[in-house]
Amino acid sequence: MRMPRFEDVDEHPRNGVASMVDVAFLMLVFFLVATTIVPTERDLMMKAPTHRGDVEAPTLPIHLEIEDDGSIWWGEESGRLPVASDDRRLPELLALLEPAVEAVRAGGEEPPVVLKVADGAKQQDFINVMDALASVEMTRIWLTDFE
């Protein structure tokens, strides 16, 4: 068997770059078409608190806590209620928010929501709470962490 010498090699070897580009574009189109956008994970409108001189925060904010273990709590200290469930829409939280939503619809002021999030809390738990608040059009959300 004779080994090809350098001079015997074709000066214009055929390469498969064109077919690789076709495959890359075909995969790109496939993934774009196959991707679905979840409508619940959309931009969340949130109003940042503003400082207006000596005006104090309202006296009755809604307190929510997301802990490291994924538990979500309504209220503070001894009056806390668990609101976490396996359902991402958090129906327990929505049921507790209903009186506040009805008060706003009746012409009252929207109460602020103080959302306390632990450092080790999952991002999905945070997004679930924010989606629940957005679904009832709660926009005055104050974020804080555990001391």
C-alpha atoms as a PDB file:
ATOM      1  CA  MET A   1       0.000   0.000   0.000  1.00  0.00           C
ATOM      2  CA  ARG A   2       1.361   3.318  -1.023  1.00  0.00           C
ATOM      3  CA  MET A   3       1.054   6.261   1.362  1.00  0.00           C
ATOM      4  CA  PRO A   4      -0.050   9.493  -0.283  1.00  0.00           C
ATOM      5  CA  ARG A   5       2.602  12.083  -0.437  1.00  0.00           C
ATOM      6  CA  PHE A   6       1.997  15.738   0.198  1.00  0.00           C
ATOM      7  CA  GLU A   7       1.972  16.468  -3.507  1.00  0.00           C
ATOM      8  CA  ASP A   8      -0.707  13.802  -4.125  1.00  0.00           C
ATOM      9  CA  VAL A   9      -3.259  15.434  -1.824  1.00  0.00           C
ATOM     10  CA  ASP A  10      -6.001  17.332  -3.627  1.00  0.00           C
ATOM     11  CA  GLU A  11      -5.458  21.087  -3.441  1.00  0.00           C
ATOM     12  CA  HIS A  12      -9.171  21.742  -2.769  1.00  0.00           C
ATOM     13  CA  PRO A  13     -10.347  19.095  -0.364  1.00  0.00           C
ATOM     14  CA  ARG A  14     -14.093  18.850   0.122  1.00  0.00           C
ATOM     15  CA  ASN A  15     -15.118  19.924   3.566  1.00  0.00           C
ATOM     16  CA  GLY A  16     -18.473  19.507   5.239  1.00  0.00           C
ATOM     17  CA  VAL A  17     -18.800  23.044   6.602  1.00  0.00           C
ATOM     18  CA  ALA A  18     -21.807  23.881   4.455  1.00  0.00           C
ATOM     19  CA  SER A  19     -23.743  20.868   5.711  1.00  0.00           C
ATOM     20  CA  MET A  20     -22.750  21.671   9.317  1.00  0.00           C
ATOM     21  CA  VAL A  21     -24.158  25.191   8.907  1.00  0.00           C
ATOM     22  CA  ASP A  22     -27.391  23.732   7.519  1.00  0.00           C
ATOM     23  CA  VAL A  23     -27.697  21.398  10.495  1.00  0.00           C
ATOM     24  CA  ALA A  24     -26.999  24.244  12.944  1.00  0.00           C
ATOM     25  CA  PHE A  25     -29.729  26.429  11.432  1.00  0.00           C
ATOM     26  CA  LEU A  26     -32.138  23.501  11.331  1.00  0.00           C
ATOM     27  CA  MET A  27     -31.549  22.854  15.055  1.00  0.00           C
ATOM     28  CA  LEU A  28     -31.970  26.568  15.822  1.00  0.00           C
ATOM     29  CA  VAL A  29     -35.324  26.679  14.023  1.00  0.00           C
ATOM     30  CA  PHE A  30     -36.435  23.474  15.746  1.00  0.00           C
ATOM     31  CA  PHE A  31     -35.690  24.787  19.237  1.00  0.00           C
ATOM     32  CA  LEU A  32     -37.332  28.143  18.527  1.00  0.00           C
ATOM     33  CA  VAL A  33     -40.505  26.443  17.322  1.00  0.00           C
ATOM     34  CA  ALA A  34     -40.509  23.825  20.084  1.00  0.00           C
ATOM     35  CA  THR A  35     -40.042  26.356  22.896  1.00  0.00           C
ATOM     36  CA  THR A  36     -43.167  27.398  24.752  1.00  0.00           C
ATOM     37  CA  ILE A  37     -43.379  30.528  26.829  1.00  0.00           C
ATOM     38  CA  VAL A  38     -45.266  30.051  30.079  1.00  0.00           C
ATOM     39  CA  PRO A  39     -47.767  32.923  30.329  1.00  0.00           C
ATOM     40  CA  THR A  40     -47.619  33.028  34.147  1.00  0.00           C
ATOM     41  CA  GLU A  41     -43.929  33.866  34.104  1.00  0.00           C
ATOM     42  CA  ARG A  42     -44.160  37.295  32.600  1.00  0.00           C
ATOM     43  CA  ASP A  43     -42.809  40.669  33.581  1.00  0.00           C
ATOM     44  CA  LEU A  44     -43.966  41.510  37.070  1.00  0.00           C
ATOM     45  CA  MET A  45     -45.005  45.101  37.521  1.00  0.00           C
ATOM     46  CA  MET A  46     -43.833  46.414  40.869  1.00  0.00           C
ATOM     47  CA  LYS A  47     -43.848  49.913  42.299  1.00  0.00           C
ATOM     48  CA  ALA A  48     -40.806  50.833  44.340  1.00  0.00           C
ATOM     49  CA  PRO A  49     -41.533  52.630  47.617  1.00  0.00           C
ATOM     50  CA  THR A  50     -40.832  56.329  47.485  1.00  0.00           C
ATOM     51  CA  HIS A  51     -39.626  58.599  50.245  1.00  0.00           C
ATOM     52  CA  ARG A  52     -41.959  61.553  50.741  1.00  0.00           C
ATOM     53  CA  GLY A  53     -40.464  63.489  53.601  1.00  0.00           C
ATOM     54  CA  ASP A  54     -41.872  62.481  56.990  1.00  0.00           C
ATOM     55  CA  VAL A  55     -44.727  60.377  55.611  1.00  0.00           C
ATOM     56  CA  GLU A  56     -44.743  57.028  57.388  1.00  0.00           C
ATOM     57  CA  ALA A  57     -45.559  53.682  55.864  1.00  0.00           C
ATOM     58  CA  PRO A  58     -49.159  52.514  56.205  1.00  0.00           C
ATOM     59  CA  THR A  59     -49.893  50.799  59.496  1.00  0.00           C
ATOM     60  CA  LEU A  60     -51.347  47.587  58.079  1.00  0.00           C
ATOM     61  CA  PRO A  61     -48.950  46.019  55.590  1.00  0.00           C
ATOM     62  CA  ILE A  62     -49.338  42.402  54.557  1.00  0.00           C
ATOM     63  CA  HIS A  63     -46.359  40.380  55.783  1.00  0.00           C
ATOM     64  CA  LEU A  64     -45.164  37.353  53.827  1.00  0.00           C
ATOM     65  CA  GLU A  65     -42.093  35.245  54.546  1.00  0.00           C
ATOM     66  CA  ILE A  66     -40.301  32.697  52.385  1.00  0.00           C
ATOM     67  CA  GLU A  67     -37.956  30.519  54.421  1.00  0.00           C
ATOM     68  CA  ASP A  68     -34.975  28.387  53.450  1.00  0.00           C
ATOM     69  CA  ASP A  69     -36.989  25.163  53.479  1.00  0.00           C
ATOM     70  CA  GLY A  70     -39.546  26.549  50.995  1.00  0.00           C
ATOM     71  CA  SER A  71     -42.259  27.261  53.537  1.00  0.00           C
ATOM     72  CA  ILE A  72     -44.261  30.405  52.919  1.00  0.00           C
ATOM     73  CA  TRP A  73     -45.892  32.200  55.839  1.00  0.00           C
ATOM     74  CA  TRP A  74     -48.559  34.913  56.130  1.00  0.00           C
ATOM     75  CA  GLY A  75     -48.265  37.340  59.058  1.00  0.00           C
ATOM     76  CA  GLU A  76     -45.698  38.019  61.724  1.00  0.00           C
ATOM     77  CA  GLU A  77     -44.487  36.327  64.883  1.00  0.00           C
ATOM     78  CA  SER A  78     -47.216  34.392  66.735  1.00  0.00           C
ATOM     79  CA  GLY A  79     -49.990  35.022  64.205  1.00  0.00           C
ATOM     80  CA  ARG A  80     -48.279  33.355  61.260  1.00  0.00           C
ATOM     81  CA  LEU A  81     -50.245  31.085  58.933  1.00  0.00           C
ATOM     82  CA  PRO A  82     -48.671  28.646  56.439  1.00  0.00           C
ATOM     83  CA  VAL A  83     -49.672  29.342  52.835  1.00  0.00           C
ATOM     84  CA  ALA A  84     -47.379  27.025  50.880  1.00  0.00           C
ATOM     85  CA  SER A  85     -48.805  24.176  48.849  1.00  0.00           C
ATOM     86  CA  ASP A  86     -47.854  21.871  46.018  1.00  0.00           C
ATOM     87  CA  ASP A  87     -49.789  24.075  43.608  1.00  0.00           C
ATOM     88  CA  ARG A  88     -47.567  26.784  42.102  1.00  0.00           C
ATOM     89  CA  ARG A  89     -50.509  29.215  42.040  1.00  0.00           C
ATOM     90  CA  LEU A  90     -50.680  29.225  45.866  1.00  0.00           C
ATOM     91  CA  PRO A  91     -54.489  29.120  46.327  1.00  0.00           C
ATOM     92  CA  GLU A  92     -54.161  29.588  50.107  1.00  0.00           C
ATOM     93  CA  LEU A  93     -52.295  32.849  49.575  1.00  0.00           C
ATOM     94  CA  LEU A  94     -54.845  34.034  47.026  1.00  0.00           C
ATOM     95  CA  ALA A  95     -57.673  33.290  49.464  1.00  0.00           C
ATOM     96  CA  LEU A  96     -55.971  35.366  52.156  1.00  0.00           C
ATOM     97  CA  LEU A  97     -55.330  38.222  49.712  1.00  0.00           C
ATOM     98  CA  GLU A  98     -58.980  38.371  48.617  1.00  0.00           C
ATOM     99  CA  PRO A  99     -60.171  40.786  51.399  1.00  0.00           C
ATOM    100  CA  ALA A 100     -57.359  43.210  50.539  1.00  0.00           C
ATOM    101  CA  VAL A 101     -58.218  43.001  46.844  1.00  0.00           C
ATOM    102  CA  GLU A 102     -61.922  43.628  47.575  1.00  0.00           C
ATOM    103  CA  ALA A 103     -61.027  46.656  49.704  1.00  0.00           C
ATOM    104  CA  VAL A 104     -58.963  48.106  46.859  1.00  0.00           C
ATOM    105  CA  ARG A 105     -61.815  47.507  44.391  1.00  0.00           C
ATOM    106  CA  ALA A 106     -64.182  49.312  46.765  1.00  0.00           C
ATOM    107  CA  GLY A 107     -62.011  52.422  46.544  1.00  0.00           C
ATOM    108  CA  GLY A 108     -59.563  51.863  49.368  1.00  0.00           C
ATOM    109  CA  GLU A 109     -55.802  52.163  49.245  1.00  0.00           C
ATOM    110  CA  GLU A 110     -53.773  49.148  48.174  1.00  0.00           C
ATOM    111  CA  PRO A 111     -51.941  47.763  51.211  1.00  0.00           C
ATOM    112  CA  PRO A 112     -48.213  47.243  50.831  1.00  0.00           C
ATOM    113  CA  VAL A 113     -46.853  43.721  50.895  1.00  0.00           C
ATOM    114  CA  VAL A 114     -43.682  43.228  52.934  1.00  0.00           C
ATOM    115  CA  LEU A 115     -41.997  40.165  51.441  1.00  0.00           C
ATOM    116  CA  LYS A 116     -39.231  38.783  53.635  1.00  0.00           C
ATOM    117  CA  VAL A 117     -37.047  36.278  51.776  1.00  0.00           C
ATOM    118  CA  ALA A 118     -34.395  34.083  53.392  1.00  0.00           C
ATOM    119  CA  ASP A 119     -30.969  33.836  51.749  1.00  0.00           C
ATOM    120  CA  GLY A 120     -31.377  30.118  51.033  1.00  0.00           C
ATOM    121  CA  ALA A 121     -34.912  30.347  49.624  1.00  0.00           C
ATOM    122  CA  LYS A 122     -35.473  28.858  46.193  1.00  0.00           C
ATOM    123  CA  GLN A 123     -35.942  31.260  43.336  1.00  0.00           C
ATOM    124  CA  GLN A 124     -39.016  29.313  42.176  1.00  0.00           C
ATOM    125  CA  ASP A 125     -40.745  29.925  45.523  1.00  0.00           C
ATOM    126  CA  PHE A 126     -40.072  33.653  45.155  1.00  0.00           C
ATOM    127  CA  ILE A 127     -41.418  33.639  41.586  1.00  0.00           C
ATOM    128  CA  ASN A 128     -44.541  31.730  42.692  1.00  0.00           C
ATOM    129  CA  VAL A 129     -45.299  34.341  45.361  1.00  0.00           C
ATOM    130  CA  MET A 130     -44.649  37.200  42.942  1.00  0.00           C
ATOM    131  CA  ASP A 131     -46.915  35.569  40.331  1.00  0.00           C
ATOM    132  CA  ALA A 132     -49.680  35.173  42.923  1.00  0.00           C
ATOM    133  CA  LEU A 133     -49.364  38.843  43.881  1.00  0.00           C
ATOM    134  CA  ALA A 134     -49.344  39.906  40.230  1.00  0.00           C
ATOM    135  CA  SER A 135     -52.456  37.838  39.497  1.00  0.00           C
ATOM    136  CA  VAL A 136     -54.459  39.921  42.007  1.00  0.00           C
ATOM    137  CA  GLU A 137     -52.745  43.128  40.808  1.00  0.00           C
ATOM    138  CA  MET A 138     -50.830  43.829  44.020  1.00  0.00           C
ATOM    139  CA  THR A 139     -48.011  46.180  43.027  1.00  0.00           C
ATOM    140  CA  ARG A 140     -46.819  47.758  46.287  1.00  0.00           C
ATOM    141  CA  ILE A 141     -44.238  45.156  47.265  1.00  0.00           C
ATOM    142  CA  TRP A 142     -41.387  45.819  49.662  1.00  0.00           C
ATOM    143  CA  LEU A 143     -38.564  43.253  49.663  1.00  0.00           C
ATOM    144  CA  THR A 144     -36.499  42.569  52.748  1.00  0.00           C
ATOM    145  CA  ASP A 145     -34.395  39.751  54.157  1.00  0.00           C
ATOM    146  CA  PHE A 146     -34.090  38.020  57.503  1.00  0.00           C
ATOM    147  CA  GLU A 147     -31.854  39.839  59.976  1.00  0.00           C
END
